[in-house]
């Protein structure tokens, strides 16, 4: 997968209300600042990516992102606690700190 730089997220009522599973925008922001990997989105739109990473407390989350007009600002579409398979992807890849 090509490198994806994520410097920030675009939020509005639509996507804030759509992330679920006890995940809030603050959690998503923490994943951006902490260890994380970006992978291809296995389902749905091709331009979307999955961002897998950890909150400050070590909780592993998977966030589906879609691009915006600004190439370094991405829009979270949904988020959930990472599955076992997603956690394995996170551990296999060399995580990079924020962005």
PDB file of N, CA and C in Angstrom:
ATOM      1  N   UNK A   1       0.836  -1.173   0.000  1.00  0.00           N
ATOM      2  CA  UNK A   1       0.000   0.000   0.000  1.00  0.00           C
ATOM      3  C   UNK A   1       0.874   1.227   0.000  1.00  0.00           C
ATOM      4  N   UNK A   2       0.459   2.245  -0.723  1.00  0.00           N
ATOM      5  CA  UNK A   2       1.188   3.512  -0.763  1.00  0.00           C
ATOM      6  C   UNK A   2       1.111   4.182   0.601  1.00  0.00           C
ATOM      7  N   UNK A   3       2.117   4.976   0.902  1.00  0.00           N
ATOM      8  CA  UNK A   3       2.139   5.710   2.175  1.00  0.00           C
ATOM      9  C   UNK A   3       0.985   6.692   2.224  1.00  0.00           C
ATOM     10  N   UNK A   4       0.325   6.745   3.371  1.00  0.00           N
ATOM     11  CA  UNK A   4      -0.785   7.664   3.593  1.00  0.00           C
ATOM     12  C   UNK A   4      -0.418   8.531   4.783  1.00  0.00           C
ATOM     13  N   UNK A   5      -0.322   9.828   4.581  1.00  0.00           N
ATOM     14  CA  UNK A   5      -0.057  10.751   5.672  1.00  0.00           C
ATOM     15  C   UNK A   5      -1.380  11.237   6.235  1.00  0.00           C
ATOM     16  N   UNK A   6      -1.575  11.048   7.523  1.00  0.00           N
ATOM     17  CA  UNK A   6      -2.785  11.492   8.205  1.00  0.00           C
ATOM     18  C   UNK A   6      -2.350  12.465   9.288  1.00  0.00           C
ATOM     19  N   UNK A   7      -2.642  13.753   9.081  1.00  0.00           N
ATOM     20  CA  UNK A   7      -2.261  14.763  10.073  1.00  0.00           C
ATOM     21  C   UNK A   7      -3.440  15.212  10.914  1.00  0.00           C
ATOM     22  N   UNK A   8      -4.639  14.887  10.471  1.00  0.00           N
ATOM     23  CA  UNK A   8      -5.813  15.275  11.232  1.00  0.00           C
ATOM     24  C   UNK A   8      -7.063  14.652  10.655  1.00  0.00           C
ATOM     25  N   UNK A   9      -8.171  14.848  11.365  1.00  0.00           N
ATOM     26  CA  UNK A   9      -9.447  14.278  10.958  1.00  0.00           C
ATOM     27  C   UNK A   9     -10.484  15.372  10.755  1.00  0.00           C
ATOM     28  N   UNK A  10     -11.410  15.112   9.858  1.00  0.00           N
ATOM     29  CA  UNK A  10     -12.545  15.996   9.610  1.00  0.00           C
ATOM     30  C   UNK A  10     -13.751  15.407  10.336  1.00  0.00           C
ATOM     31  N   UNK A  11     -14.343  16.194  11.242  1.00  0.00           N
ATOM     32  CA  UNK A  11     -15.482  15.728  12.024  1.00  0.00           C
ATOM     33  C   UNK A  11     -16.711  16.566  11.739  1.00  0.00           C
ATOM     34  N   UNK A  12     -17.867  15.926  11.791  1.00  0.00           N
ATOM     35  CA  UNK A  12     -19.155  16.607  11.748  1.00  0.00           C
ATOM     36  C   UNK A  12     -20.155  15.715  12.466  1.00  0.00           C
ATOM     37  N   UNK A  13     -21.395  16.161  12.579  1.00  0.00           N
ATOM     38  CA  UNK A  13     -22.402  15.363  13.289  1.00  0.00           C
ATOM     39  C   UNK A  13     -22.587  13.981  12.671  1.00  0.00           C
ATOM     40  N   UNK A  14     -22.451  13.899  11.362  1.00  0.00           N
ATOM     41  CA  UNK A  14     -22.663  12.624  10.681  1.00  0.00           C
ATOM     42  C   UNK A  14     -21.668  11.556  11.084  1.00  0.00           C
ATOM     43  N   UNK A  15     -20.378  11.868  11.025  1.00  0.00           N
ATOM     44  CA  UNK A  15     -19.414  10.818  11.342  1.00  0.00           C
ATOM     45  C   UNK A  15     -19.196  10.676  12.848  1.00  0.00           C
ATOM     46  N   UNK A  16     -19.366  11.739  13.626  1.00  0.00           N
ATOM     47  CA  UNK A  16     -19.264  11.595  15.080  1.00  0.00           C
ATOM     48  C   UNK A  16     -20.337  10.643  15.596  1.00  0.00           C
ATOM     49  N   UNK A  17     -21.529  10.712  15.020  1.00  0.00           N
ATOM     50  CA  UNK A  17     -22.612   9.850  15.435  1.00  0.00           C
ATOM     51  C   UNK A  17     -22.515   8.439  14.896  1.00  0.00           C
ATOM     52  N   UNK A  18     -21.696   8.241  13.846  1.00  0.00           N
ATOM     53  CA  UNK A  18     -21.622   6.935  13.205  1.00  0.00           C
ATOM     54  C   UNK A  18     -20.572   6.018  13.831  1.00  0.00           C
ATOM     55  N   UNK A  19     -19.499   6.605  14.387  1.00  0.00           N
ATOM     56  CA  UNK A  19     -18.549   5.714  15.051  1.00  0.00           C
ATOM     57  C   UNK A  19     -19.262   5.147  16.276  1.00  0.00           C
ATOM     58  N   UNK A  20     -19.034   3.897  16.544  1.00  0.00           N
ATOM     59  CA  UNK A  20     -19.832   3.217  17.563  1.00  0.00           C
ATOM     60  C   UNK A  20     -18.955   2.342  18.428  1.00  0.00           C
ATOM     61  N   UNK A  21     -19.581   1.383  19.068  1.00  0.00           N
ATOM     62  CA  UNK A  21     -18.858   0.366  19.827  1.00  0.00           C
ATOM     63  C   UNK A  21     -18.039   0.999  20.957  1.00  0.00           C
ATOM     64  N   UNK A  22     -18.602   1.990  21.608  1.00  0.00           N
ATOM     65  CA  UNK A  22     -17.920   2.672  22.715  1.00  0.00           C
ATOM     66  C   UNK A  22     -16.624   3.350  22.277  1.00  0.00           C
ATOM     67  N   UNK A  23     -16.585   3.825  21.046  1.00  0.00           N
ATOM     68  CA  UNK A  23     -15.445   4.580  20.532  1.00  0.00           C
ATOM     69  C   UNK A  23     -15.905   6.020  20.344  1.00  0.00           C
ATOM     70  N   UNK A  24     -15.116   6.971  20.806  1.00  0.00           N
ATOM     71  CA  UNK A  24     -15.475   8.382  20.649  1.00  0.00           C
ATOM     72  C   UNK A  24     -14.391   9.099  19.837  1.00  0.00           C
ATOM     73  N   UNK A  25     -14.686  10.303  19.337  1.00  0.00           N
ATOM     74  CA  UNK A  25     -13.686  11.040  18.558  1.00  0.00           C
ATOM     75  C   UNK A  25     -12.352  11.211  19.291  1.00  0.00           C
ATOM     76  N   UNK A  26     -12.399  11.361  20.607  1.00  0.00           N
ATOM     77  CA  UNK A  26     -11.163  11.494  21.389  1.00  0.00           C
ATOM     78  C   UNK A  26     -10.288  10.241  21.246  1.00  0.00           C
ATOM     79  N   UNK A  27     -10.913   9.062  21.259  1.00  0.00           N
ATOM     80  CA  UNK A  27     -10.171   7.809  21.065  1.00  0.00           C
ATOM     81  C   UNK A  27      -9.502   7.778  19.698  1.00  0.00           C
ATOM     82  N   UNK A  28     -10.248   8.204  18.686  1.00  0.00           N
ATOM     83  CA  UNK A  28      -9.729   8.223  17.314  1.00  0.00           C
ATOM     84  C   UNK A  28      -8.521   9.155  17.231  1.00  0.00           C
ATOM     85  N   UNK A  29      -8.602  10.320  17.871  1.00  0.00           N
ATOM     86  CA  UNK A  29      -7.478  11.266  17.881  1.00  0.00           C
ATOM     87  C   UNK A  29      -6.255  10.649  18.549  1.00  0.00           C
ATOM     88  N   UNK A  30      -6.464   9.882  19.615  1.00  0.00           N
ATOM     89  CA  UNK A  30      -5.342   9.238  20.304  1.00  0.00           C
ATOM     90  C   UNK A  30      -4.647   8.233  19.397  1.00  0.00           C
ATOM     91  N   UNK A  31      -5.423   7.484  18.620  1.00  0.00           N
ATOM     92  CA  UNK A  31      -4.824   6.504  17.704  1.00  0.00           C
ATOM     93  C   UNK A  31      -3.901   7.216  16.716  1.00  0.00           C
ATOM     94  N   UNK A  32      -4.310   8.383  16.238  1.00  0.00           N
ATOM     95  CA  UNK A  32      -3.474   9.144  15.306  1.00  0.00           C
ATOM     96  C   UNK A  32      -2.135   9.513  15.948  1.00  0.00           C
ATOM     97  N   UNK A  33      -2.158   9.858  17.229  1.00  0.00           N
ATOM     98  CA  UNK A  33      -0.944  10.317  17.911  1.00  0.00           C
ATOM     99  C   UNK A  33      -0.058   9.175  18.400  1.00  0.00           C
ATOM    100  N   UNK A  34      -0.594   7.962  18.471  1.00  0.00           N
ATOM    101  CA  UNK A  34       0.145   6.821  19.023  1.00  0.00           C
ATOM    102  C   UNK A  34       0.552   5.838  17.937  1.00  0.00           C
ATOM    103  N   UNK A  35       1.028   4.686  18.350  1.00  0.00           N
ATOM    104  CA  UNK A  35       1.426   3.644  17.408  1.00  0.00           C
ATOM    105  C   UNK A  35       0.245   3.269  16.521  1.00  0.00           C
ATOM    106  N   UNK A  36       0.506   3.168  15.218  1.00  0.00           N
ATOM    107  CA  UNK A  36      -0.574   2.875  14.275  1.00  0.00           C
ATOM    108  C   UNK A  36      -0.029   2.361  12.958  1.00  0.00           C
ATOM    109  N   UNK A  37      -0.892   1.691  12.206  1.00  0.00           N
ATOM    110  CA  UNK A  37      -0.581   1.267  10.842  1.00  0.00           C
ATOM    111  C   UNK A  37      -1.779   1.610   9.958  1.00  0.00           C
ATOM    112  N   UNK A  38      -1.519   1.822   8.698  1.00  0.00           N
ATOM    113  CA  UNK A  38      -2.578   2.086   7.724  1.00  0.00           C
ATOM    114  C   UNK A  38      -2.566   0.942   6.725  1.00  0.00           C
ATOM    115  N   UNK A  39      -3.739   0.358   6.486  1.00  0.00           N
ATOM    116  CA  UNK A  39      -3.854  -0.767   5.560  1.00  0.00           C
ATOM    117  C   UNK A  39      -4.950  -0.480   4.541  1.00  0.00           C
ATOM    118  N   UNK A  40      -4.966  -1.266   3.491  1.00  0.00           N
ATOM    119  CA  UNK A  40      -6.061  -1.165   2.524  1.00  0.00           C
ATOM    120  C   UNK A  40      -7.366  -1.546   3.213  1.00  0.00           C
ATOM    121  N   UNK A  41      -8.440  -0.925   2.777  1.00  0.00           N
ATOM    122  CA  UNK A  41      -9.761  -1.263   3.287  1.00  0.00           C
ATOM    123  C   UNK A  41     -10.233  -2.533   2.592  1.00  0.00           C
ATOM    124  N   UNK A  42     -10.448  -3.633   3.332  1.00  0.00           N
ATOM    125  CA  UNK A  42     -10.813  -4.875   2.671  1.00  0.00           C
ATOM    126  C   UNK A  42     -12.232  -4.897   2.111  1.00  0.00           C
ATOM    127  N   UNK A  43     -13.076  -3.966   2.547  1.00  0.00           N
ATOM    128  CA  UNK A  43     -14.460  -3.906   2.055  1.00  0.00           C
ATOM    129  C   UNK A  43     -14.782  -2.468   1.702  1.00  0.00           C
ATOM    130  N   UNK A  44     -15.747  -2.304   0.823  1.00  0.00           N
ATOM    131  CA  UNK A  44     -16.230  -0.961   0.543  1.00  0.00           C
ATOM    132  C   UNK A  44     -15.391  -0.203  -0.463  1.00  0.00           C
ATOM    133  N   UNK A  45     -15.479   1.106  -0.386  1.00  0.00           N
ATOM    134  CA  UNK A  45     -14.857   1.995  -1.360  1.00  0.00           C
ATOM    135  C   UNK A  45     -13.337   1.849  -1.392  1.00  0.00           C
ATOM    136  N   UNK A  46     -12.791   1.823  -2.590  1.00  0.00           N
ATOM    137  CA  UNK A  46     -11.342   1.645  -2.776  1.00  0.00           C
ATOM    138  C   UNK A  46     -10.509   2.760  -2.182  1.00  0.00           C
ATOM    139  N   UNK A  47     -11.039   3.986  -2.211  1.00  0.00           N
ATOM    140  CA  UNK A  47     -10.245   5.114  -1.720  1.00  0.00           C
ATOM    141  C   UNK A  47     -10.139   5.139  -0.201  1.00  0.00           C
ATOM    142  N   UNK A  48     -10.941   4.333   0.468  1.00  0.00           N
ATOM    143  CA  UNK A  48     -10.894   4.274   1.922  1.00  0.00           C
ATOM    144  C   UNK A  48      -9.743   3.393   2.394  1.00  0.00           C
ATOM    145  N   UNK A  49      -9.235   3.711   3.579  1.00  0.00           N
ATOM    146  CA  UNK A  49      -8.177   2.924   4.212  1.00  0.00           C
ATOM    147  C   UNK A  49      -8.605   2.582   5.630  1.00  0.00           C
ATOM    148  N   UNK A  50      -7.942   1.584   6.202  1.00  0.00           N
ATOM    149  CA  UNK A  50      -8.136   1.256   7.603  1.00  0.00           C
ATOM    150  C   UNK A  50      -6.922   1.724   8.381  1.00  0.00           C
ATOM    151  N   UNK A  51      -7.182   2.373   9.471  1.00  0.00           N
ATOM    152  CA  UNK A  51      -6.149   2.878  10.378  1.00  0.00           C
ATOM    153  C   UNK A  51      -6.284   2.026  11.639  1.00  0.00           C
ATOM    154  N   UNK A  52      -5.264   1.248  11.965  1.00  0.00           N
ATOM    155  CA  UNK A  52      -5.304   0.371  13.133  1.00  0.00           C
ATOM    156  C   UNK A  52      -4.251   0.854  14.115  1.00  0.00           C
ATOM    157  N   UNK A  53      -4.669   1.098  15.343  1.00  0.00           N
ATOM    158  CA  UNK A  53      -3.703   1.600  16.313  1.00  0.00           C
ATOM    159  C   UNK A  53      -4.216   1.544  17.729  1.00  0.00           C
ATOM    160  N   UNK A  54      -3.475   2.203  18.620  1.00  0.00           N
ATOM    161  CA  UNK A  54      -3.766   2.139  20.040  1.00  0.00           C
ATOM    162  C   UNK A  54      -4.116   3.507  20.613  1.00  0.00           C
ATOM    163  N   UNK A  55      -5.024   3.484  21.580  1.00  0.00           N
ATOM    164  CA  UNK A  55      -5.315   4.683  22.367  1.00  0.00           C
ATOM    165  C   UNK A  55      -4.219   4.834  23.420  1.00  0.00           C
ATOM    166  N   UNK A  56      -4.272   5.909  24.181  1.00  0.00           N
ATOM    167  CA  UNK A  56      -3.288   6.121  25.248  1.00  0.00           C
ATOM    168  C   UNK A  56      -3.303   4.986  26.264  1.00  0.00           C
ATOM    169  N   UNK A  57      -4.452   4.368  26.455  1.00  0.00           N
ATOM    170  CA  UNK A  57      -4.568   3.262  27.401  1.00  0.00           C
ATOM    171  C   UNK A  57      -4.231   1.904  26.813  1.00  0.00           C
ATOM    172  N   UNK A  58      -3.821   1.856  25.532  1.00  0.00           N
ATOM    173  CA  UNK A  58      -3.450   0.595  24.895  1.00  0.00           C
ATOM    174  C   UNK A  58      -4.598  -0.129  24.223  1.00  0.00           C
ATOM    175  N   UNK A  59      -5.771   0.474  24.192  1.00  0.00           N
ATOM    176  CA  UNK A  59      -6.925  -0.134  23.505  1.00  0.00           C
ATOM    177  C   UNK A  59      -6.688  -0.069  22.003  1.00  0.00           C
ATOM    178  N   UNK A  60      -6.832  -1.209  21.330  1.00  0.00           N
ATOM    179  CA  UNK A  60      -6.595  -1.252  19.889  1.00  0.00           C
ATOM    180  C   UNK A  60      -7.897  -1.023  19.143  1.00  0.00           C
ATOM    181  N   UNK A  61      -7.870  -0.057  18.235  1.00  0.00           N
ATOM    182  CA  UNK A  61      -9.051   0.326  17.466  1.00  0.00           C
ATOM    183  C   UNK A  61      -8.765   0.251  15.978  1.00  0.00           C
ATOM    184  N   UNK A  62      -9.807  -0.012  15.221  1.00  0.00           N
ATOM    185  CA  UNK A  62      -9.743   0.038  13.761  1.00  0.00           C
ATOM    186  C   UNK A  62     -10.675   1.149  13.317  1.00  0.00           C
ATOM    187  N   UNK A  63     -10.144   2.037  12.488  1.00  0.00           N
ATOM    188  CA  UNK A  63     -10.891   3.202  12.020  1.00  0.00           C
ATOM    189  C   UNK A  63     -10.869   3.191  10.504  1.00  0.00           C
ATOM    190  N   UNK A  64     -12.025   3.273   9.878  1.00  0.00           N
ATOM    191  CA  UNK A  64     -12.098   3.380   8.420  1.00  0.00           C
ATOM    192  C   UNK A  64     -12.093   4.860   8.088  1.00  0.00           C
ATOM    193  N   UNK A  65     -11.178   5.250   7.208  1.00  0.00           N
ATOM    194  CA  UNK A  65     -11.011   6.654   6.814  1.00  0.00           C
ATOM    195  C   UNK A  65     -11.255   6.815   5.321  1.00  0.00           C
ATOM    196  N   UNK A  66     -11.821   7.957   4.953  1.00  0.00           N
ATOM    197  CA  UNK A  66     -11.929   8.295   3.537  1.00  0.00           C
ATOM    198  C   UNK A  66     -11.250   9.639   3.325  1.00  0.00           C
ATOM    199  N   UNK A  67     -10.704   9.852   2.126  1.00  0.00           N
ATOM    200  CA  UNK A  67      -9.974  11.096   1.873  1.00  0.00           C
ATOM    201  C   UNK A  67     -10.914  12.298   1.809  1.00  0.00           C
ATOM    202  N   UNK A  68     -10.335  13.458   2.059  1.00  0.00           N
ATOM    203  CA  UNK A  68     -11.035  14.732   1.874  1.00  0.00           C
ATOM    204  C   UNK A  68     -10.299  15.493   0.778  1.00  0.00           C
ATOM    205  N   UNK A  69     -10.676  16.717   0.552  1.00  0.00           N
ATOM    206  CA  UNK A  69      -9.983  17.530  -0.454  1.00  0.00           C
ATOM    207  C   UNK A  69      -8.567  17.877  -0.048  1.00  0.00           C
ATOM    208  N   UNK A  70      -8.288  17.821   1.240  1.00  0.00           N
ATOM    209  CA  UNK A  70      -6.946  18.064   1.774  1.00  0.00           C
ATOM    210  C   UNK A  70      -6.275  16.701   1.952  1.00  0.00           C
ATOM    211  N   UNK A  71      -5.173  16.459   1.281  1.00  0.00           N
ATOM    212  CA  UNK A  71      -4.565  15.126   1.238  1.00  0.00           C
ATOM    213  C   UNK A  71      -4.054  14.619   2.589  1.00  0.00           C
ATOM    214  N   UNK A  72      -3.930  15.466   3.596  1.00  0.00           N
ATOM    215  CA  UNK A  72      -3.464  15.007   4.907  1.00  0.00           C
ATOM    216  C   UNK A  72      -4.562  15.031   5.972  1.00  0.00           C
ATOM    217  N   UNK A  73      -5.762  15.448   5.597  1.00  0.00           N
ATOM    218  CA  UNK A  73      -6.915  15.426   6.495  1.00  0.00           C
ATOM    219  C   UNK A  73      -7.861  14.344   5.990  1.00  0.00           C
ATOM    220  N   UNK A  74      -8.197  13.411   6.850  1.00  0.00           N
ATOM    221  CA  UNK A  74      -9.047  12.280   6.482  1.00  0.00           C
ATOM    222  C   UNK A  74     -10.315  12.303   7.312  1.00  0.00           C
ATOM    223  N   UNK A  75     -11.374  11.740   6.763  1.00  0.00           N
ATOM    224  CA  UNK A  75     -12.678  11.707   7.429  1.00  0.00           C
ATOM    225  C   UNK A  75     -12.926  10.310   7.983  1.00  0.00           C
ATOM    226  N   UNK A  76     -13.021  10.182   9.314  1.00  0.00           N
ATOM    227  CA  UNK A  76     -13.384   8.889   9.882  1.00  0.00           C
ATOM    228  C   UNK A  76     -14.815   8.526   9.476  1.00  0.00           C
ATOM    229  N   UNK A  77     -14.997   7.330   8.958  1.00  0.00           N
ATOM    230  CA  UNK A  77     -16.306   6.857   8.521  1.00  0.00           C
ATOM    231  C   UNK A  77     -16.952   6.031   9.628  1.00  0.00           C
ATOM    232  N   UNK A  78     -16.163   5.154  10.228  1.00  0.00           N
ATOM    233  CA  UNK A  78     -16.628   4.332  11.338  1.00  0.00           C
ATOM    234  C   UNK A  78     -15.403   3.839  12.098  1.00  0.00           C
ATOM    235  N   UNK A  79     -15.638   3.330  13.291  1.00  0.00           N
ATOM    236  CA  UNK A  79     -14.538   2.805  14.110  1.00  0.00           C
ATOM    237  C   UNK A  79     -15.096   1.755  15.057  1.00  0.00           C
ATOM    238  N   UNK A  80     -14.221   0.817  15.456  1.00  0.00           N
ATOM    239  CA  UNK A  80     -14.631  -0.246  16.365  1.00  0.00           C
ATOM    240  C   UNK A  80     -13.389  -0.802  17.052  1.00  0.00           C
ATOM    241  N   UNK A  81     -13.569  -1.524  18.160  1.00  0.00           N
ATOM    242  CA  UNK A  81     -12.427  -2.225  18.758  1.00  0.00           C
ATOM    243  C   UNK A  81     -11.891  -3.240  17.746  1.00  0.00           C
ATOM    244  N   UNK A  82     -10.597  -3.270  17.577  1.00  0.00           N
ATOM    245  CA  UNK A  82      -9.982  -4.146  16.572  1.00  0.00           C
ATOM    246  C   UNK A  82     -10.307  -5.612  16.828  1.00  0.00           C
ATOM    247  N   UNK A  83     -10.537  -6.323  15.732  1.00  0.00           N
ATOM    248  CA  UNK A  83     -10.751  -7.764  15.813  1.00  0.00           C
ATOM    249  C   UNK A  83      -9.410  -8.460  16.047  1.00  0.00           C
ATOM    250  N   UNK A  84      -9.456  -9.726  16.320  1.00  0.00           N
ATOM    251  CA  UNK A  84      -8.226 -10.507  16.503  1.00  0.00           C
ATOM    252  C   UNK A  84      -7.341 -10.410  15.259  1.00  0.00           C
ATOM    253  N   UNK A  85      -7.939 -10.536  14.085  1.00  0.00           N
ATOM    254  CA  UNK A  85      -7.170 -10.451  12.831  1.00  0.00           C
ATOM    255  C   UNK A  85      -6.551  -9.071  12.657  1.00  0.00           C
ATOM    256  N   UNK A  86      -7.290  -8.031  12.984  1.00  0.00           N
ATOM    257  CA  UNK A  86      -6.764  -6.664  12.862  1.00  0.00           C
ATOM    258  C   UNK A  86      -5.644  -6.416  13.867  1.00  0.00           C
ATOM    259  N   UNK A  87      -5.778  -6.954  15.068  1.00  0.00           N
ATOM    260  CA  UNK A  87      -4.705  -6.821  16.065  1.00  0.00           C
ATOM    261  C   UNK A  87      -3.444  -7.529  15.576  1.00  0.00           C
ATOM    262  N   UNK A  88      -3.612  -8.671  14.892  1.00  0.00           N
ATOM    263  CA  UNK A  88      -2.459  -9.397  14.347  1.00  0.00           C
ATOM    264  C   UNK A  88      -1.769  -8.570  13.267  1.00  0.00           C
ATOM    265  N   UNK A  89      -2.546  -7.912  12.419  1.00  0.00           N
ATOM    266  CA  UNK A  89      -1.966  -7.029  11.397  1.00  0.00           C
ATOM    267  C   UNK A  89      -1.173  -5.925  12.066  1.00  0.00           C
ATOM    268  N   UNK A  90      -1.748  -5.323  13.080  1.00  0.00           N
ATOM    269  CA  UNK A  90      -1.078  -4.244  13.806  1.00  0.00           C
ATOM    270  C   UNK A  90       0.249  -4.711  14.391  1.00  0.00           C
ATOM    271  N   UNK A  91       0.260  -5.892  14.973  1.00  0.00           N
ATOM    272  CA  UNK A  91       1.488  -6.400  15.603  1.00  0.00           C
ATOM    273  C   UNK A  91       2.538  -6.838  14.589  1.00  0.00           C
ATOM    274  N   UNK A  92       2.102  -7.336  13.414  1.00  0.00           N
ATOM    275  CA  UNK A  92       3.046  -7.788  12.385  1.00  0.00           C
ATOM    276  C   UNK A  92       3.767  -6.641  11.715  1.00  0.00           C
ATOM    277  N   UNK A  93       3.063  -5.560  11.497  1.00  0.00           N
ATOM    278  CA  UNK A  93       3.661  -4.439  10.787  1.00  0.00           C
ATOM    279  C   UNK A  93       4.453  -3.570  11.745  1.00  0.00           C
ATOM    280  N   UNK A  94       5.410  -2.877  11.204  1.00  0.00           N
ATOM    281  CA  UNK A  94       6.200  -1.959  11.999  1.00  0.00           C
ATOM    282  C   UNK A  94       5.393  -0.684  12.220  1.00  0.00           C
ATOM    283  N   UNK A  95       4.789  -0.524  13.401  1.00  0.00           N
ATOM    284  CA  UNK A  95       4.014   0.696  13.645  1.00  0.00           C
ATOM    285  C   UNK A  95       4.898   1.931  13.625  1.00  0.00           C
ATOM    286  N   UNK A  96       4.270   3.048  13.243  1.00  0.00           N
ATOM    287  CA  UNK A  96       4.956   4.325  13.252  1.00  0.00           C
ATOM    288  C   UNK A  96       4.200   5.239  14.186  1.00  0.00           C
ATOM    289  N   UNK A  97       4.910   6.094  14.865  1.00  0.00           N
ATOM    290  CA  UNK A  97       4.254   7.051  15.770  1.00  0.00           C
ATOM    291  C   UNK A  97       3.547   8.104  14.972  1.00  0.00           C
ATOM    292  N   UNK A  98       2.445   8.579  15.450  1.00  0.00           N
ATOM    293  CA  UNK A  98       1.564   9.620  14.900  1.00  0.00           C
ATOM    294  C   UNK A  98       1.801  10.039  13.476  1.00  0.00           C
ATOM    295  N   UNK A  99       0.722  10.107  12.727  1.00  0.00           N
ATOM    296  CA  UNK A  99       0.687  10.631  11.378  1.00  0.00           C
ATOM    297  C   UNK A  99       1.415   9.798  10.439  1.00  0.00           C
TER     298      UNK A  99
END
